[in-house]
Amino acid sequence: MSEKVVLLPKTATRSAPARPALHRVLLVNDDFTPRDFVVTVLGAVFRMGPERARGVMLTAHRRGCCVVAVFTREVAETKAGQATAMGTRAGYPLRFTTEPEC
């Protein structure tokens, strides 16, 4: 009896591209920036509705800081910079920072 050998075509295996690292955007509380201005900035830069923006602002006020959103590093740094710049232009010490997501 003869054995048949079946050769299967070689397939190239592709590894999935690595997912980009995510970063959190944090709102840091201060005692000088008016609450309504913070809500306005959150709406303008992060496209939050008034209810959600107010909730984020109050959480930062109570806890000292609050996660606003999570993006890729480049987007997070851009949005944090835009939001901080809005505060600076208005004469407030409003500050947004970024940190890597765990």
PDB file of N, CA and C in Angstrom:
ATOM      1  N   MET A   1       0.824  -1.167   0.000  1.00  0.00           N
ATOM      2  CA  MET A   1       0.000   0.000   0.000  1.00  0.00           C
ATOM      3  C   MET A   1       0.881   1.247   0.000  1.00  0.00           C
ATOM      4  N   SER A   2       0.587   2.143  -0.870  1.00  0.00           N
ATOM      5  CA  SER A   2       1.381   3.364  -0.911  1.00  0.00           C
ATOM      6  C   SER A   2       0.662   4.473  -0.152  1.00  0.00           C
ATOM      7  N   GLU A   3       1.444   5.239   0.508  1.00  0.00           N
ATOM      8  CA  GLU A   3       0.865   6.343   1.287  1.00  0.00           C
ATOM      9  C   GLU A   3       0.866   7.600   0.434  1.00  0.00           C
ATOM     10  N   LYS A   4      -0.224   8.340   0.531  1.00  0.00           N
ATOM     11  CA  LYS A   4      -0.308   9.595  -0.197  1.00  0.00           C
ATOM     12  C   LYS A   4       0.091  10.730   0.734  1.00  0.00           C
ATOM     13  N   VAL A   5       0.916  11.576   0.245  1.00  0.00           N
ATOM     14  CA  VAL A   5       1.345  12.734   1.013  1.00  0.00           C
ATOM     15  C   VAL A   5       0.637  13.951   0.435  1.00  0.00           C
ATOM     16  N   VAL A   6      -0.078  14.629   1.283  1.00  0.00           N
ATOM     17  CA  VAL A   6      -0.787  15.823   0.846  1.00  0.00           C
ATOM     18  C   VAL A   6      -0.004  17.032   1.344  1.00  0.00           C
ATOM     19  N   LEU A   7       0.379  17.870   0.433  1.00  0.00           N
ATOM     20  CA  LEU A   7       1.102  19.082   0.796  1.00  0.00           C
ATOM     21  C   LEU A   7       0.119  20.246   0.831  1.00  0.00           C
ATOM     22  N   LEU A   8       0.096  20.912   1.939  1.00  0.00           N
ATOM     23  CA  LEU A   8      -0.771  22.072   2.083  1.00  0.00           C
ATOM     24  C   LEU A   8       0.027  23.323   1.757  1.00  0.00           C
ATOM     25  N   PRO A   9      -0.624  24.275   1.086  1.00  0.00           N
ATOM     26  CA  PRO A   9       0.113  25.510   0.792  1.00  0.00           C
ATOM     27  C   PRO A   9       0.441  26.259   2.079  1.00  0.00           C
ATOM     28  N   LYS A  10       1.599  26.854   2.063  1.00  0.00           N
ATOM     29  CA  LYS A  10       1.993  27.629   3.238  1.00  0.00           C
ATOM     30  C   LYS A  10       1.228  28.946   3.227  1.00  0.00           C
ATOM     31  N   THR A  11       0.717  29.275   4.373  1.00  0.00           N
ATOM     32  CA  THR A  11       0.015  30.554   4.476  1.00  0.00           C
ATOM     33  C   THR A  11       0.826  31.468   5.374  1.00  0.00           C
ATOM     34  N   ALA A  12       0.902  32.669   4.946  1.00  0.00           N
ATOM     35  CA  ALA A  12       1.620  33.649   5.756  1.00  0.00           C
ATOM     36  C   ALA A  12       0.720  34.072   6.908  1.00  0.00           C
ATOM     37  N   THR A  13       1.271  34.029   8.079  1.00  0.00           N
ATOM     38  CA  THR A  13       0.476  34.473   9.227  1.00  0.00           C
ATOM     39  C   THR A  13       0.849  35.906   9.531  1.00  0.00           C
ATOM     40  N   ARG A  14      -0.162  36.693   9.651  1.00  0.00           N
ATOM     41  CA  ARG A  14       0.057  38.096   9.991  1.00  0.00           C
ATOM     42  C   ARG A  14      -0.284  38.300  11.450  1.00  0.00           C
ATOM     43  N   SER A  15       0.589  38.981  12.100  1.00  0.00           N
ATOM     44  CA  SER A  15       0.245  39.324  13.471  1.00  0.00           C
ATOM     45  C   SER A  15      -0.529  40.637  13.418  1.00  0.00           C
ATOM     46  N   ALA A  16      -1.514  40.717  14.247  1.00  0.00           N
ATOM     47  CA  ALA A  16      -2.334  41.925  14.280  1.00  0.00           C
ATOM     48  C   ALA A  16      -1.473  43.102  14.724  1.00  0.00           C
ATOM     49  N   PRO A  17      -1.696  44.251  14.119  1.00  0.00           N
ATOM     50  CA  PRO A  17      -0.916  45.410  14.556  1.00  0.00           C
ATOM     51  C   PRO A  17      -1.204  45.722  16.020  1.00  0.00           C
ATOM     52  N   ALA A  18      -0.186  46.162  16.688  1.00  0.00           N
ATOM     53  CA  ALA A  18      -0.348  46.473  18.111  1.00  0.00           C
ATOM     54  C   ALA A  18      -1.317  47.641  18.273  1.00  0.00           C
ATOM     55  N   ARG A  19      -2.170  47.539  19.245  1.00  0.00           N
ATOM     56  CA  ARG A  19      -3.102  48.625  19.520  1.00  0.00           C
ATOM     57  C   ARG A  19      -2.330  49.783  20.130  1.00  0.00           C
ATOM     58  N   PRO A  20      -2.697  50.996  19.740  1.00  0.00           N
ATOM     59  CA  PRO A  20      -1.995  52.141  20.323  1.00  0.00           C
ATOM     60  C   PRO A  20      -2.295  52.256  21.813  1.00  0.00           C
ATOM     61  N   ALA A  21      -1.306  52.700  22.544  1.00  0.00           N
ATOM     62  CA  ALA A  21      -1.486  52.871  23.988  1.00  0.00           C
ATOM     63  C   ALA A  21      -2.510  53.973  24.243  1.00  0.00           C
ATOM     64  N   LEU A  22      -3.354  53.755  25.231  1.00  0.00           N
ATOM     65  CA  LEU A  22      -4.379  54.736  25.571  1.00  0.00           C
ATOM     66  C   LEU A  22      -3.927  55.593  26.745  1.00  0.00           C
ATOM     67  N   HIS A  23      -4.378  56.837  26.737  1.00  0.00           N
ATOM     68  CA  HIS A  23      -4.049  57.791  27.800  1.00  0.00           C
ATOM     69  C   HIS A  23      -5.315  58.457  28.305  1.00  0.00           C
ATOM     70  N   ARG A  24      -5.340  58.702  29.588  1.00  0.00           N
ATOM     71  CA  ARG A  24      -6.464  59.406  30.205  1.00  0.00           C
ATOM     72  C   ARG A  24      -6.204  60.903  30.160  1.00  0.00           C
ATOM     73  N   VAL A  25      -7.273  61.663  29.964  1.00  0.00           N
ATOM     74  CA  VAL A  25      -7.198  63.112  30.120  1.00  0.00           C
ATOM     75  C   VAL A  25      -7.817  63.415  31.474  1.00  0.00           C
ATOM     76  N   LEU A  26      -7.079  64.126  32.326  1.00  0.00           N
ATOM     77  CA  LEU A  26      -7.550  64.450  33.672  1.00  0.00           C
ATOM     78  C   LEU A  26      -7.808  65.941  33.805  1.00  0.00           C
ATOM     79  N   LEU A  27      -8.907  66.278  34.446  1.00  0.00           N
ATOM     80  CA  LEU A  27      -9.204  67.659  34.823  1.00  0.00           C
ATOM     81  C   LEU A  27      -8.710  67.836  36.247  1.00  0.00           C
ATOM     82  N   VAL A  28      -7.833  68.808  36.458  1.00  0.00           N
ATOM     83  CA  VAL A  28      -7.283  69.081  37.785  1.00  0.00           C
ATOM     84  C   VAL A  28      -8.037  70.265  38.382  1.00  0.00           C
ATOM     85  N   ASN A  29      -8.566  70.087  39.579  1.00  0.00           N
ATOM     86  CA  ASN A  29      -9.338  71.144  40.231  1.00  0.00           C
ATOM     87  C   ASN A  29      -8.440  72.302  40.661  1.00  0.00           C
ATOM     88  N   ASP A  30      -9.004  73.505  40.583  1.00  0.00           N
ATOM     89  CA  ASP A  30      -8.348  74.674  41.164  1.00  0.00           C
ATOM     90  C   ASP A  30      -9.432  75.524  41.816  1.00  0.00           C
ATOM     91  N   ASP A  31      -9.027  76.450  42.652  1.00  0.00           N
ATOM     92  CA  ASP A  31      -9.993  77.256  43.400  1.00  0.00           C
ATOM     93  C   ASP A  31     -10.343  78.575  42.721  1.00  0.00           C
ATOM     94  N   PHE A  32      -9.893  78.785  41.487  1.00  0.00           N
ATOM     95  CA  PHE A  32     -10.078  80.086  40.853  1.00  0.00           C
ATOM     96  C   PHE A  32     -10.926  80.062  39.589  1.00  0.00           C
ATOM     97  N   THR A  33     -10.883  78.976  38.836  1.00  0.00           N
ATOM     98  CA  THR A  33     -11.640  78.910  37.583  1.00  0.00           C
ATOM     99  C   THR A  33     -13.124  78.729  37.882  1.00  0.00           C
ATOM    100  N   PRO A  34     -13.980  79.596  37.333  1.00  0.00           N
ATOM    101  CA  PRO A  34     -15.421  79.462  37.582  1.00  0.00           C
ATOM    102  C   PRO A  34     -15.966  78.137  37.041  1.00  0.00           C
ATOM    103  N   ARG A  35     -16.892  77.568  37.770  1.00  0.00           N
ATOM    104  CA  ARG A  35     -17.471  76.281  37.392  1.00  0.00           C
ATOM    105  C   ARG A  35     -18.108  76.329  36.010  1.00  0.00           C
ATOM    106  N   ASP A  36     -18.834  77.402  35.721  1.00  0.00           N
ATOM    107  CA  ASP A  36     -19.493  77.508  34.417  1.00  0.00           C
ATOM    108  C   ASP A  36     -18.485  77.536  33.272  1.00  0.00           C
ATOM    109  N   PHE A  37     -17.335  78.140  33.514  1.00  0.00           N
ATOM    110  CA  PHE A  37     -16.300  78.169  32.483  1.00  0.00           C
ATOM    111  C   PHE A  37     -15.763  76.759  32.236  1.00  0.00           C
ATOM    112  N   VAL A  38     -15.564  75.987  33.293  1.00  0.00           N
ATOM    113  CA  VAL A  38     -15.080  74.604  33.151  1.00  0.00           C
ATOM    114  C   VAL A  38     -16.084  73.795  32.341  1.00  0.00           C
ATOM    115  N   VAL A  39     -17.369  73.954  32.624  1.00  0.00           N
ATOM    116  CA  VAL A  39     -18.416  73.242  31.883  1.00  0.00           C
ATOM    117  C   VAL A  39     -18.369  73.642  30.406  1.00  0.00           C
ATOM    118  N   THR A  40     -18.161  74.914  30.135  1.00  0.00           N
ATOM    119  CA  THR A  40     -18.069  75.394  28.753  1.00  0.00           C
ATOM    120  C   THR A  40     -16.883  74.763  28.031  1.00  0.00           C
ATOM    121  N   VAL A  41     -15.738  74.697  28.689  1.00  0.00           N
ATOM    122  CA  VAL A  41     -14.538  74.098  28.089  1.00  0.00           C
ATOM    123  C   VAL A  41     -14.767  72.612  27.819  1.00  0.00           C
ATOM    124  N   LEU A  42     -15.344  71.903  28.767  1.00  0.00           N
ATOM    125  CA  LEU A  42     -15.612  70.475  28.575  1.00  0.00           C
ATOM    126  C   LEU A  42     -16.541  70.252  27.383  1.00  0.00           C
ATOM    127  N   GLY A  43     -17.514  71.110  27.227  1.00  0.00           N
ATOM    128  CA  GLY A  43     -18.421  70.999  26.086  1.00  0.00           C
ATOM    129  C   GLY A  43     -17.726  71.302  24.772  1.00  0.00           C
ATOM    130  N   ALA A  44     -16.908  72.345  24.761  1.00  0.00           N
ATOM    131  CA  ALA A  44     -16.253  72.771  23.524  1.00  0.00           C
ATOM    132  C   ALA A  44     -15.170  71.797  23.063  1.00  0.00           C
ATOM    133  N   VAL A  45     -14.329  71.355  23.970  1.00  0.00           N
ATOM    134  CA  VAL A  45     -13.182  70.520  23.587  1.00  0.00           C
ATOM    135  C   VAL A  45     -13.538  69.034  23.555  1.00  0.00           C
ATOM    136  N   PHE A  46     -14.324  68.585  24.529  1.00  0.00           N
ATOM    137  CA  PHE A  46     -14.607  67.154  24.641  1.00  0.00           C
ATOM    138  C   PHE A  46     -16.013  66.786  24.175  1.00  0.00           C
ATOM    139  N   ARG A  47     -16.753  67.774  23.651  1.00  0.00           N
ATOM    140  CA  ARG A  47     -18.095  67.566  23.102  1.00  0.00           C
ATOM    141  C   ARG A  47     -19.046  66.912  24.101  1.00  0.00           C
ATOM    142  N   MET A  48     -18.973  67.366  25.323  1.00  0.00           N
ATOM    143  CA  MET A  48     -19.865  66.861  26.373  1.00  0.00           C
ATOM    144  C   MET A  48     -21.113  67.716  26.431  1.00  0.00           C
ATOM    145  N   GLY A  49     -22.216  67.064  26.762  1.00  0.00           N
ATOM    146  CA  GLY A  49     -23.436  67.803  27.015  1.00  0.00           C
ATOM    147  C   GLY A  49     -23.328  68.490  28.368  1.00  0.00           C
ATOM    148  N   PRO A  50     -24.214  69.452  28.638  1.00  0.00           N
ATOM    149  CA  PRO A  50     -24.126  70.209  29.889  1.00  0.00           C
ATOM    150  C   PRO A  50     -24.236  69.350  31.145  1.00  0.00           C
ATOM    151  N   GLU A  51     -25.093  68.348  31.132  1.00  0.00           N
ATOM    152  CA  GLU A  51     -25.262  67.494  32.321  1.00  0.00           C
ATOM    153  C   GLU A  51     -23.989  66.706  32.613  1.00  0.00           C
ATOM    154  N   ARG A  52     -23.447  66.079  31.578  1.00  0.00           N
ATOM    155  CA  ARG A  52     -22.236  65.278  31.779  1.00  0.00           C
ATOM    156  C   ARG A  52     -21.054  66.173  32.164  1.00  0.00           C
ATOM    157  N   ALA A  53     -20.928  67.315  31.496  1.00  0.00           N
ATOM    158  CA  ALA A  53     -19.827  68.239  31.799  1.00  0.00           C
ATOM    159  C   ALA A  53     -19.913  68.719  33.241  1.00  0.00           C
ATOM    160  N   ARG A  54     -21.110  69.016  33.694  1.00  0.00           N
ATOM    161  CA  ARG A  54     -21.290  69.455  35.080  1.00  0.00           C
ATOM    162  C   ARG A  54     -20.905  68.340  36.054  1.00  0.00           C
ATOM    163  N   GLY A  55     -21.274  67.103  35.741  1.00  0.00           N
ATOM    164  CA  GLY A  55     -20.901  65.970  36.584  1.00  0.00           C
ATOM    165  C   GLY A  55     -19.395  65.780  36.673  1.00  0.00           C
ATOM    166  N   VAL A  56     -18.706  65.899  35.545  1.00  0.00           N
ATOM    167  CA  VAL A  56     -17.241  65.776  35.530  1.00  0.00           C
ATOM    168  C   VAL A  56     -16.616  66.900  36.351  1.00  0.00           C
ATOM    169  N   MET A  57     -17.124  68.114  36.156  1.00  0.00           N
ATOM    170  CA  MET A  57     -16.596  69.267  36.892  1.00  0.00           C
ATOM    171  C   MET A  57     -16.786  69.086  38.396  1.00  0.00           C
ATOM    172  N   LEU A  58     -17.959  68.627  38.808  1.00  0.00           N
ATOM    173  CA  LEU A  58     -18.223  68.436  40.242  1.00  0.00           C
ATOM    174  C   LEU A  58     -17.360  67.319  40.832  1.00  0.00           C
ATOM    175  N   THR A  59     -17.144  66.259  40.068  1.00  0.00           N
ATOM    176  CA  THR A  59     -16.274  65.176  40.540  1.00  0.00           C
ATOM    177  C   THR A  59     -14.856  65.694  40.754  1.00  0.00           C
ATOM    178  N   ALA A  60     -14.341  66.478  39.816  1.00  0.00           N
ATOM    179  CA  ALA A  60     -13.002  67.064  39.977  1.00  0.00           C
ATOM    180  C   ALA A  60     -12.975  68.003  41.177  1.00  0.00           C
ATOM    181  N   HIS A  61     -14.042  68.748  41.368  1.00  0.00           N
ATOM    182  CA  HIS A  61     -14.117  69.686  42.491  1.00  0.00           C
ATOM    183  C   HIS A  61     -14.058  68.942  43.829  1.00  0.00           C
ATOM    184  N   ARG A  62     -14.765  67.835  43.911  1.00  0.00           N
ATOM    185  CA  ARG A  62     -14.827  67.068  45.170  1.00  0.00           C
ATOM    186  C   ARG A  62     -13.575  66.238  45.425  1.00  0.00           C
ATOM    187  N   ARG A  63     -13.019  65.642  44.370  1.00  0.00           N
ATOM    188  CA  ARG A  63     -11.909  64.698  44.534  1.00  0.00           C
ATOM    189  C   ARG A  63     -10.532  65.275  44.216  1.00  0.00           C
ATOM    190  N   GLY A  64     -10.502  66.453  43.635  1.00  0.00           N
ATOM    191  CA  GLY A  64      -9.219  67.048  43.280  1.00  0.00           C
ATOM    192  C   GLY A  64      -8.855  66.877  41.824  1.00  0.00           C
ATOM    193  N   CYS A  65      -9.312  65.785  41.210  1.00  0.00           N
ATOM    194  CA  CYS A  65      -9.134  65.593  39.773  1.00  0.00           C
ATOM    195  C   CYS A  65     -10.141  64.557  39.299  1.00  0.00           C
ATOM    196  N   CYS A  66     -10.331  64.482  37.996  1.00  0.00           N
ATOM    197  CA  CYS A  66     -11.322  63.563  37.442  1.00  0.00           C
ATOM    198  C   CYS A  66     -10.896  63.161  36.035  1.00  0.00           C
ATOM    199  N   VAL A  67     -11.124  61.893  35.683  1.00  0.00           N
ATOM    200  CA  VAL A  67     -10.872  61.446  34.315  1.00  0.00           C
ATOM    201  C   VAL A  67     -11.966  62.029  33.427  1.00  0.00           C
ATOM    202  N   VAL A  68     -11.546  62.739  32.402  1.00  0.00           N
ATOM    203  CA  VAL A  68     -12.490  63.352  31.469  1.00  0.00           C
ATOM    204  C   VAL A  68     -12.807  62.385  30.340  1.00  0.00           C
ATOM    205  N   ALA A  69     -11.770  61.779  29.754  1.00  0.00           N
ATOM    206  CA  ALA A  69     -11.945  60.864  28.629  1.00  0.00           C
ATOM    207  C   ALA A  69     -10.660  60.070  28.439  1.00  0.00           C
ATOM    208  N   VAL A  70     -10.738  59.047  27.594  1.00  0.00           N
ATOM    209  CA  VAL A  70      -9.574  58.218  27.277  1.00  0.00           C
ATOM    210  C   VAL A  70      -9.407  58.205  25.755  1.00  0.00           C
ATOM    211  N   PHE A  71      -8.198  58.504  25.302  1.00  0.00           N
ATOM    212  CA  PHE A  71      -7.885  58.571  23.876  1.00  0.00           C
ATOM    213  C   PHE A  71      -6.510  57.955  23.643  1.00  0.00           C
ATOM    214  N   THR A  72      -6.119  57.887  22.369  1.00  0.00           N
ATOM    215  CA  THR A  72      -4.730  57.556  22.072  1.00  0.00           C
ATOM    216  C   THR A  72      -3.873  58.703  22.606  1.00  0.00           C
ATOM    217  N   ARG A  73      -2.587  58.446  22.770  1.00  0.00           N
ATOM    218  CA  ARG A  73      -1.710  59.450  23.386  1.00  0.00           C
ATOM    219  C   ARG A  73      -1.754  60.785  22.651  1.00  0.00           C
ATOM    220  N   GLU A  74      -1.659  60.745  21.337  1.00  0.00           N
ATOM    221  CA  GLU A  74      -1.619  61.990  20.562  1.00  0.00           C
ATOM    222  C   GLU A  74      -2.900  62.799  20.733  1.00  0.00           C
ATOM    223  N   VAL A  75      -4.037  62.128  20.656  1.00  0.00           N
ATOM    224  CA  VAL A  75      -5.323  62.820  20.790  1.00  0.00           C
ATOM    225  C   VAL A  75      -5.486  63.358  22.208  1.00  0.00           C
ATOM    226  N   ALA A  76      -5.113  62.544  23.199  1.00  0.00           N
ATOM    227  CA  ALA A  76      -5.238  62.978  24.599  1.00  0.00           C
ATOM    228  C   ALA A  76      -4.395  64.226  24.857  1.00  0.00           C
ATOM    229  N   GLU A  77      -3.162  64.229  24.373  1.00  0.00           N
ATOM    230  CA  GLU A  77      -2.290  65.389  24.592  1.00  0.00           C
ATOM    231  C   GLU A  77      -2.808  66.626  23.866  1.00  0.00           C
ATOM    232  N   THR A  78      -3.345  66.434  22.676  1.00  0.00           N
ATOM    233  CA  THR A  78      -3.894  67.561  21.914  1.00  0.00           C
ATOM    234  C   THR A  78      -5.089  68.168  22.626  1.00  0.00           C
ATOM    235  N   LYS A  79      -6.023  67.320  23.051  1.00  0.00           N
ATOM    236  CA  LYS A  79      -7.227  67.827  23.712  1.00  0.00           C
ATOM    237  C   LYS A  79      -6.901  68.468  25.057  1.00  0.00           C
ATOM    238  N   ALA A  80      -5.999  67.865  25.817  1.00  0.00           N
ATOM    239  CA  ALA A  80      -5.600  68.460  27.098  1.00  0.00           C
ATOM    240  C   ALA A  80      -4.959  69.824  26.864  1.00  0.00           C
ATOM    241  N   GLY A  81      -4.147  69.930  25.830  1.00  0.00           N
ATOM    242  CA  GLY A  81      -3.513  71.204  25.503  1.00  0.00           C
ATOM    243  C   GLY A  81      -4.518  72.259  25.073  1.00  0.00           C
ATOM    244  N   GLN A  82      -5.498  71.856  24.257  1.00  0.00           N
ATOM    245  CA  GLN A  82      -6.532  72.796  23.813  1.00  0.00           C
ATOM    246  C   GLN A  82      -7.346  73.314  24.993  1.00  0.00           C
ATOM    247  N   ALA A  83      -7.738  72.400  25.876  1.00  0.00           N
ATOM    248  CA  ALA A  83      -8.565  72.789  27.021  1.00  0.00           C
ATOM    249  C   ALA A  83      -7.787  73.696  27.978  1.00  0.00           C
ATOM    250  N   THR A  84      -6.532  73.359  28.235  1.00  0.00           N
ATOM    251  CA  THR A  84      -5.700  74.193  29.106  1.00  0.00           C
ATOM    252  C   THR A  84      -5.492  75.569  28.482  1.00  0.00           C
ATOM    253  N   ALA A  85      -5.290  75.601  27.175  1.00  0.00           N
ATOM    254  CA  ALA A  85      -5.089  76.878  26.475  1.00  0.00           C
ATOM    255  C   ALA A  85      -6.326  77.765  26.560  1.00  0.00           C
ATOM    256  N   MET A  86      -7.513  77.171  26.500  1.00  0.00           N
ATOM    257  CA  MET A  86      -8.738  77.973  26.639  1.00  0.00           C
ATOM    258  C   MET A  86      -8.761  78.675  27.990  1.00  0.00           C
ATOM    259  N   GLY A  87      -8.371  77.962  29.032  1.00  0.00           N
ATOM    260  CA  GLY A  87      -8.316  78.562  30.360  1.00  0.00           C
ATOM    261  C   GLY A  87      -7.272  79.657  30.446  1.00  0.00           C
ATOM    262  N   THR A  88      -6.111  79.404  29.871  1.00  0.00           N
ATOM    263  CA  THR A  88      -5.029  80.395  29.894  1.00  0.00           C
ATOM    264  C   THR A  88      -5.447  81.671  29.169  1.00  0.00           C
ATOM    265  N   ARG A  89      -6.064  81.515  27.991  1.00  0.00           N
ATOM    266  CA  ARG A  89      -6.511  82.691  27.229  1.00  0.00           C
ATOM    267  C   ARG A  89      -7.535  83.510  28.000  1.00  0.00           C
ATOM    268  N   ALA A  90      -8.341  82.830  28.823  1.00  0.00           N
ATOM    269  CA  ALA A  90      -9.357  83.531  29.612  1.00  0.00           C
ATOM    270  C   ALA A  90      -8.794  84.050  30.936  1.00  0.00           C
ATOM    271  N   GLY A  91      -7.521  83.749  31.222  1.00  0.00           N
ATOM    272  CA  GLY A  91      -6.887  84.237  32.442  1.00  0.00           C
ATOM    273  C   GLY A  91      -7.101  83.356  33.657  1.00  0.00           C
ATOM    274  N   TYR A  92      -7.431  82.081  33.428  1.00  0.00           N
ATOM    275  CA  TYR A  92      -7.665  81.149  34.537  1.00  0.00           C
ATOM    276  C   TYR A  92      -6.559  80.097  34.587  1.00  0.00           C
ATOM    277  N   PRO A  93      -6.303  79.537  35.774  1.00  0.00           N
ATOM    278  CA  PRO A  93      -5.279  78.495  35.900  1.00  0.00           C
ATOM    279  C   PRO A  93      -5.820  77.091  35.606  1.00  0.00           C
ATOM    280  N   LEU A  94      -6.839  76.988  34.774  1.00  0.00           N
ATOM    281  CA  LEU A  94      -7.446  75.700  34.432  1.00  0.00           C
ATOM    282  C   LEU A  94      -6.381  74.784  33.847  1.00  0.00           C
ATOM    283  N   ARG A  95      -6.352  73.528  34.316  1.00  0.00           N
ATOM    284  CA  ARG A  95      -5.296  72.611  33.885  1.00  0.00           C
ATOM    285  C   ARG A  95      -5.858  71.228  33.607  1.00  0.00           C
ATOM    286  N   PHE A  96      -5.479  70.694  32.472  1.00  0.00           N
ATOM    287  CA  PHE A  96      -5.781  69.323  32.089  1.00  0.00           C
ATOM    288  C   PHE A  96      -4.451  68.626  31.868  1.00  0.00           C
ATOM    289  N   THR A  97      -4.338  67.389  32.323  1.00  0.00           N
ATOM    290  CA  THR A  97      -3.105  66.621  32.144  1.00  0.00           C
ATOM    291  C   THR A  97      -3.460  65.279  31.520  1.00  0.00           C
ATOM    292  N   THR A  98      -2.443  64.517  31.149  1.00  0.00           N
ATOM    293  CA  THR A  98      -2.662  63.169  30.621  1.00  0.00           C
ATOM    294  C   THR A  98      -1.807  62.182  31.403  1.00  0.00           C
ATOM    295  N   GLU A  99      -2.254  60.938  31.401  1.00  0.00           N
ATOM    296  CA  GLU A  99      -1.479  59.855  32.007  1.00  0.00           C
ATOM    297  C   GLU A  99      -1.827  58.564  31.285  1.00  0.00           C
ATOM    298  N   PRO A 100      -0.896  57.609  31.233  1.00  0.00           N
ATOM    299  CA  PRO A 100      -1.187  56.343  30.565  1.00  0.00           C
ATOM    300  C   PRO A 100      -2.312  55.586  31.269  1.00  0.00           C
ATOM    301  N   GLU A 101      -3.124  54.928  30.465  1.00  0.00           N
ATOM    302  CA  GLU A 101      -4.199  54.089  31.004  1.00  0.00           C
ATOM    303  C   GLU A 101      -3.565  52.771  31.435  1.00  0.00           C
ATOM    304  N   CYS A 102      -3.962  52.251  32.564  1.00  0.00           N
ATOM    305  CA  CYS A 102      -3.397  50.988  33.070  1.00  0.00           C
ATOM    306  C   CYS A 102      -3.952  49.800  32.329  1.00  0.00           C
TER     307      CYS A 102
END
